[in-house]
């Protein structure tokens, strides 16, 4: 979406295309400053740049708002999966402690773990009686006998100066990657 908004040299509606045209029109007017048609052309090109930048900004801010909605939905889904994971993990621990075959509960728990890892990068740690504790790949506890509360407050709208909100796990902000220091997990 960003690529289509900002485009490149081939995208005739990209702000960069309008800016290049403005530069050309300003150069033409500078060569013939007495030509009012050239002046009007430069002025119209400047208006086109402003329109393209405003349009791109509006679209980018809508993209940010849409991303917030998706993050909020995924956080809700993650909380539900962690609650289901507790039930499955408790069943694994209970059946293991009783000496009963825990394979059905293990399969259910494994399926839930897979779905959780589609949302957030997860590492596991074995605990007593075949139980599992879950941590984000950064080391924040997601589940250790009980699910941790994951929260996020989506912005209803964005402006160019608005900053997005953090995702929190038990009130602790989850760090976002910076530049090339991001993860493709989850």
C-alpha atoms as a PDB file:
ATOM      1  CA  UNK A   1       0.000   0.000   0.000  1.00  0.00           C
ATOM      2  CA  UNK A   2       2.800   2.392   0.865  1.00  0.00           C
ATOM      3  CA  UNK A   3       4.484   1.630  -2.421  1.00  0.00           C
ATOM      4  CA  UNK A   4       1.337   2.465  -4.337  1.00  0.00           C
ATOM      5  CA  UNK A   5       0.861   5.668  -2.298  1.00  0.00           C
ATOM      6  CA  UNK A   6       4.394   6.963  -2.676  1.00  0.00           C
ATOM      7  CA  UNK A   7       5.152   5.216  -5.933  1.00  0.00           C
ATOM      8  CA  UNK A   8       8.331   5.679  -7.840  1.00  0.00           C
ATOM      9  CA  UNK A   9       9.439   7.146 -11.115  1.00  0.00           C
ATOM     10  CA  UNK A  10       6.842   5.096 -13.007  1.00  0.00           C
ATOM     11  CA  UNK A  11       3.905   6.174 -10.862  1.00  0.00           C
ATOM     12  CA  UNK A  12       2.352   9.252 -12.424  1.00  0.00           C
ATOM     13  CA  UNK A  13       0.326  10.088  -9.294  1.00  0.00           C
ATOM     14  CA  UNK A  14       3.232   9.817  -6.842  1.00  0.00           C
ATOM     15  CA  UNK A  15       4.272  13.018  -5.045  1.00  0.00           C
ATOM     16  CA  UNK A  16       7.786  12.526  -6.434  1.00  0.00           C
ATOM     17  CA  UNK A  17       6.427  12.690  -9.996  1.00  0.00           C
ATOM     18  CA  UNK A  18       4.638  15.962  -9.256  1.00  0.00           C
ATOM     19  CA  UNK A  19       7.752  17.307  -7.545  1.00  0.00           C
ATOM     20  CA  UNK A  20       9.894  16.492 -10.595  1.00  0.00           C
ATOM     21  CA  UNK A  21       7.355  18.289 -12.790  1.00  0.00           C
ATOM     22  CA  UNK A  22       7.448  21.295 -10.445  1.00  0.00           C
ATOM     23  CA  UNK A  23      11.240  21.395 -10.665  1.00  0.00           C
ATOM     24  CA  UNK A  24      11.026  21.325 -14.465  1.00  0.00           C
ATOM     25  CA  UNK A  25       8.396  24.085 -14.532  1.00  0.00           C
ATOM     26  CA  UNK A  26      10.411  26.277 -12.126  1.00  0.00           C
ATOM     27  CA  UNK A  27      13.491  25.793 -14.300  1.00  0.00           C
ATOM     28  CA  UNK A  28      11.511  26.745 -17.412  1.00  0.00           C
ATOM     29  CA  UNK A  29      10.146  29.853 -15.680  1.00  0.00           C
ATOM     30  CA  UNK A  30      13.622  30.789 -14.420  1.00  0.00           C
ATOM     31  CA  UNK A  31      14.908  30.667 -17.994  1.00  0.00           C
ATOM     32  CA  UNK A  32      12.029  32.886 -19.200  1.00  0.00           C
ATOM     33  CA  UNK A  33      10.885  34.885 -16.128  1.00  0.00           C
ATOM     34  CA  UNK A  34       8.930  37.306 -18.290  1.00  0.00           C
ATOM     35  CA  UNK A  35       6.664  34.509 -19.647  1.00  0.00           C
ATOM     36  CA  UNK A  36       3.489  34.522 -17.546  1.00  0.00           C
ATOM     37  CA  UNK A  37       2.348  31.218 -19.094  1.00  0.00           C
ATOM     38  CA  UNK A  38       5.509  29.623 -17.698  1.00  0.00           C
ATOM     39  CA  UNK A  39       4.811  31.276 -14.328  1.00  0.00           C
ATOM     40  CA  UNK A  40       1.260  29.951 -14.306  1.00  0.00           C
ATOM     41  CA  UNK A  41       2.563  26.494 -15.213  1.00  0.00           C
ATOM     42  CA  UNK A  42       4.962  26.585 -12.246  1.00  0.00           C
ATOM     43  CA  UNK A  43       2.167  27.725  -9.939  1.00  0.00           C
ATOM     44  CA  UNK A  44      -0.143  24.939 -11.152  1.00  0.00           C
ATOM     45  CA  UNK A  45       2.647  22.392 -10.710  1.00  0.00           C
ATOM     46  CA  UNK A  46       3.145  23.627  -7.127  1.00  0.00           C
ATOM     47  CA  UNK A  47      -0.569  23.131  -6.452  1.00  0.00           C
ATOM     48  CA  UNK A  48      -0.329  19.609  -7.863  1.00  0.00           C
ATOM     49  CA  UNK A  49       2.561  18.828  -5.475  1.00  0.00           C
ATOM     50  CA  UNK A  50       0.541  20.078  -2.501  1.00  0.00           C
ATOM     51  CA  UNK A  51      -2.492  18.056  -3.573  1.00  0.00           C
ATOM     52  CA  UNK A  52      -0.397  14.906  -4.067  1.00  0.00           C
ATOM     53  CA  UNK A  53       1.315  15.318  -0.671  1.00  0.00           C
ATOM     54  CA  UNK A  54      -1.991  15.924   1.114  1.00  0.00           C
ATOM     55  CA  UNK A  55      -3.554  12.912  -0.592  1.00  0.00           C
ATOM     56  CA  UNK A  56      -0.587  10.698   0.279  1.00  0.00           C
ATOM     57  CA  UNK A  57      -0.640  11.896   3.889  1.00  0.00           C
ATOM     58  CA  UNK A  58      -4.369  11.188   4.214  1.00  0.00           C
ATOM     59  CA  UNK A  59      -3.899   7.697   2.803  1.00  0.00           C
ATOM     60  CA  UNK A  60      -0.905   6.963   5.047  1.00  0.00           C
ATOM     61  CA  UNK A  61      -2.844   8.095   8.136  1.00  0.00           C
ATOM     62  CA  UNK A  62      -5.761   5.840   7.130  1.00  0.00           C
ATOM     63  CA  UNK A  63      -3.304   2.967   6.707  1.00  0.00           C
ATOM     64  CA  UNK A  64      -2.017   3.621  10.235  1.00  0.00           C
ATOM     65  CA  UNK A  65      -5.587   3.642  11.591  1.00  0.00           C
ATOM     66  CA  UNK A  66      -6.360   0.375   9.796  1.00  0.00           C
ATOM     67  CA  UNK A  67      -3.168  -1.173  11.197  1.00  0.00           C
ATOM     68  CA  UNK A  68      -4.208  -0.139  14.710  1.00  0.00           C
ATOM     69  CA  UNK A  69      -7.565  -1.868  14.249  1.00  0.00           C
ATOM     70  CA  UNK A  70      -5.796  -5.029  13.102  1.00  0.00           C
ATOM     71  CA  UNK A  71      -3.378  -4.907  16.038  1.00  0.00           C
ATOM     72  CA  UNK A  72      -6.279  -4.450  18.453  1.00  0.00           C
ATOM     73  CA  UNK A  73      -8.093  -7.450  16.955  1.00  0.00           C
ATOM     74  CA  UNK A  74      -4.938  -9.599  17.139  1.00  0.00           C
ATOM     75  CA  UNK A  75      -4.379  -8.612  20.781  1.00  0.00           C
ATOM     76  CA  UNK A  76      -7.940  -9.696  21.603  1.00  0.00           C
ATOM     77  CA  UNK A  77      -7.383 -12.949  19.741  1.00  0.00           C
ATOM     78  CA  UNK A  78      -4.091 -13.489  21.597  1.00  0.00           C
ATOM     79  CA  UNK A  79      -5.784 -13.014  24.988  1.00  0.00           C
ATOM     80  CA  UNK A  80      -8.445 -15.571  24.041  1.00  0.00           C
ATOM     81  CA  UNK A  81      -5.814 -18.051  22.848  1.00  0.00           C
ATOM     82  CA  UNK A  82      -3.822 -17.630  26.059  1.00  0.00           C
ATOM     83  CA  UNK A  83      -6.981 -18.367  28.073  1.00  0.00           C
ATOM     84  CA  UNK A  84      -7.563 -21.511  25.989  1.00  0.00           C
ATOM     85  CA  UNK A  85      -3.889 -22.412  26.368  1.00  0.00           C
ATOM     86  CA  UNK A  86      -4.296 -22.335  30.169  1.00  0.00           C
ATOM     87  CA  UNK A  87      -7.131 -24.848  29.988  1.00  0.00           C
ATOM     88  CA  UNK A  88      -5.157 -27.163  27.700  1.00  0.00           C
ATOM     89  CA  UNK A  89      -1.943 -26.789  29.709  1.00  0.00           C
ATOM     90  CA  UNK A  90      -3.793 -27.478  32.983  1.00  0.00           C
ATOM     91  CA  UNK A  91      -5.215 -30.654  31.395  1.00  0.00           C
ATOM     92  CA  UNK A  92      -1.722 -31.777  30.321  1.00  0.00           C
ATOM     93  CA  UNK A  93      -0.367 -31.183  33.837  1.00  0.00           C
ATOM     94  CA  UNK A  94      -3.343 -32.926  35.481  1.00  0.00           C
ATOM     95  CA  UNK A  95      -3.290 -36.004  33.244  1.00  0.00           C
ATOM     96  CA  UNK A  96       0.497 -36.307  33.514  1.00  0.00           C
ATOM     97  CA  UNK A  97       0.356 -36.071  37.323  1.00  0.00           C
ATOM     98  CA  UNK A  98      -2.368 -38.746  37.402  1.00  0.00           C
ATOM     99  CA  UNK A  99      -0.390 -41.024  35.080  1.00  0.00           C
ATOM    100  CA  UNK A 100      -3.054 -40.794  32.347  1.00  0.00           C
ATOM    101  CA  UNK A 101      -2.086 -40.487  28.677  1.00  0.00           C
ATOM    102  CA  UNK A 102      -1.944 -36.699  28.003  1.00  0.00           C
ATOM    103  CA  UNK A 103      -1.662 -36.963  24.187  1.00  0.00           C
ATOM    104  CA  UNK A 104      -5.070 -35.430  23.380  1.00  0.00           C
ATOM    105  CA  UNK A 105      -4.364 -32.463  25.661  1.00  0.00           C
ATOM    106  CA  UNK A 106      -0.824 -32.207  24.252  1.00  0.00           C
ATOM    107  CA  UNK A 107      -2.209 -32.050  20.708  1.00  0.00           C
ATOM    108  CA  UNK A 108      -4.695 -29.348  21.673  1.00  0.00           C
ATOM    109  CA  UNK A 109      -2.009 -27.353  23.482  1.00  0.00           C
ATOM    110  CA  UNK A 110       0.365 -27.688  20.507  1.00  0.00           C
ATOM    111  CA  UNK A 111      -2.326 -26.390  18.140  1.00  0.00           C
ATOM    112  CA  UNK A 112      -2.944 -23.406  20.404  1.00  0.00           C
ATOM    113  CA  UNK A 113       0.786 -22.743  20.647  1.00  0.00           C
ATOM    114  CA  UNK A 114       0.999 -22.702  16.862  1.00  0.00           C
ATOM    115  CA  UNK A 115      -1.846 -20.189  16.640  1.00  0.00           C
ATOM    116  CA  UNK A 116      -0.270 -18.009  19.358  1.00  0.00           C
ATOM    117  CA  UNK A 117       3.050 -18.022  17.511  1.00  0.00           C
ATOM    118  CA  UNK A 118       1.298 -16.686  14.404  1.00  0.00           C
ATOM    119  CA  UNK A 119       0.547 -13.530  16.401  1.00  0.00           C
ATOM    120  CA  UNK A 120       3.690 -13.111  18.465  1.00  0.00           C
ATOM    121  CA  UNK A 121       7.113 -14.734  18.475  1.00  0.00           C
ATOM    122  CA  UNK A 122       7.111 -17.296  21.292  1.00  0.00           C
ATOM    123  CA  UNK A 123       9.646 -19.392  23.135  1.00  0.00           C
ATOM    124  CA  UNK A 124       8.658 -22.126  25.560  1.00  0.00           C
ATOM    125  CA  UNK A 125      10.059 -23.433  28.798  1.00  0.00           C
ATOM    126  CA  UNK A 126       9.120 -26.794  30.273  1.00  0.00           C
ATOM    127  CA  UNK A 127       7.812 -26.745  33.830  1.00  0.00           C
ATOM    128  CA  UNK A 128       6.648 -29.438  36.273  1.00  0.00           C
ATOM    129  CA  UNK A 129       4.420 -32.298  35.127  1.00  0.00           C
ATOM    130  CA  UNK A 130       4.822 -31.650  31.397  1.00  0.00           C
ATOM    131  CA  UNK A 131       3.556 -28.047  31.668  1.00  0.00           C
ATOM    132  CA  UNK A 132       4.787 -25.152  29.589  1.00  0.00           C
ATOM    133  CA  UNK A 133       5.554 -21.513  30.251  1.00  0.00           C
ATOM    134  CA  UNK A 134       5.452 -19.126  27.281  1.00  0.00           C
ATOM    135  CA  UNK A 135       7.652 -16.108  26.708  1.00  0.00           C
ATOM    136  CA  UNK A 136       7.916 -13.641  23.867  1.00  0.00           C
ATOM    137  CA  UNK A 137      11.110 -13.959  21.864  1.00  0.00           C
ATOM    138  CA  UNK A 138      12.273 -10.843  23.736  1.00  0.00           C
ATOM    139  CA  UNK A 139      11.773 -12.683  27.058  1.00  0.00           C
ATOM    140  CA  UNK A 140       8.520 -11.190  28.367  1.00  0.00           C
ATOM    141  CA  UNK A 141       6.304 -13.772  30.102  1.00  0.00           C
ATOM    142  CA  UNK A 142       3.057 -14.475  28.213  1.00  0.00           C
ATOM    143  CA  UNK A 143       1.983 -17.485  30.240  1.00  0.00           C
ATOM    144  CA  UNK A 144       3.358 -19.003  33.429  1.00  0.00           C
ATOM    145  CA  UNK A 145       0.576 -21.007  35.095  1.00  0.00           C
ATOM    146  CA  UNK A 146      -1.779 -18.160  34.178  1.00  0.00           C
ATOM    147  CA  UNK A 147      -2.065 -16.028  31.046  1.00  0.00           C
ATOM    148  CA  UNK A 148      -0.653 -12.537  31.221  1.00  0.00           C
ATOM    149  CA  UNK A 149      -2.940  -9.691  30.172  1.00  0.00           C
ATOM    150  CA  UNK A 150      -1.999  -8.285  26.775  1.00  0.00           C
ATOM    151  CA  UNK A 151      -3.432  -4.845  26.055  1.00  0.00           C
ATOM    152  CA  UNK A 152      -3.459  -2.246  23.337  1.00  0.00           C
ATOM    153  CA  UNK A 153      -5.440   0.930  22.790  1.00  0.00           C
ATOM    154  CA  UNK A 154      -6.031   1.663  19.122  1.00  0.00           C
ATOM    155  CA  UNK A 155      -6.146   5.236  17.905  1.00  0.00           C
ATOM    156  CA  UNK A 156      -9.428   6.026  16.194  1.00  0.00           C
ATOM    157  CA  UNK A 157      -7.627   8.340  13.764  1.00  0.00           C
ATOM    158  CA  UNK A 158      -4.122   9.530  13.004  1.00  0.00           C
ATOM    159  CA  UNK A 159      -2.498  12.759  11.966  1.00  0.00           C
ATOM    160  CA  UNK A 160       1.054  13.190  10.726  1.00  0.00           C
ATOM    161  CA  UNK A 161       2.171  14.173  14.241  1.00  0.00           C
ATOM    162  CA  UNK A 162       0.361  11.401  16.164  1.00  0.00           C
ATOM    163  CA  UNK A 163       2.369   8.599  17.696  1.00  0.00           C
ATOM    164  CA  UNK A 164       0.951   5.097  17.915  1.00  0.00           C
ATOM    165  CA  UNK A 165       0.382   3.327  21.221  1.00  0.00           C
ATOM    166  CA  UNK A 166       2.413   0.467  22.641  1.00  0.00           C
ATOM    167  CA  UNK A 167       1.287  -3.073  23.212  1.00  0.00           C
ATOM    168  CA  UNK A 168       1.543  -4.013  26.887  1.00  0.00           C
ATOM    169  CA  UNK A 169       1.955  -7.364  28.582  1.00  0.00           C
ATOM    170  CA  UNK A 170       1.038  -7.111  32.257  1.00  0.00           C
ATOM    171  CA  UNK A 171       1.497  -3.350  32.041  1.00  0.00           C
ATOM    172  CA  UNK A 172       4.994  -3.588  30.545  1.00  0.00           C
ATOM    173  CA  UNK A 173       5.424  -2.063  27.089  1.00  0.00           C
ATOM    174  CA  UNK A 174       6.563  -4.483  24.417  1.00  0.00           C
ATOM    175  CA  UNK A 175       9.546  -3.009  22.618  1.00  0.00           C
ATOM    176  CA  UNK A 176       9.166  -2.318  18.923  1.00  0.00           C
ATOM    177  CA  UNK A 177      11.949  -3.025  16.492  1.00  0.00           C
ATOM    178  CA  UNK A 178      13.845  -0.097  15.069  1.00  0.00           C
ATOM    179  CA  UNK A 179      15.107   0.189  11.501  1.00  0.00           C
ATOM    180  CA  UNK A 180      16.442  -3.201  10.441  1.00  0.00           C
ATOM    181  CA  UNK A 181      16.236  -4.485  14.027  1.00  0.00           C
ATOM    182  CA  UNK A 182      12.798  -6.046  13.677  1.00  0.00           C
ATOM    183  CA  UNK A 183      11.533  -9.582  13.860  1.00  0.00           C
ATOM    184  CA  UNK A 184       9.432 -11.382  11.324  1.00  0.00           C
ATOM    185  CA  UNK A 185       8.026 -13.682  14.009  1.00  0.00           C
ATOM    186  CA  UNK A 186       4.349 -13.533  14.798  1.00  0.00           C
END
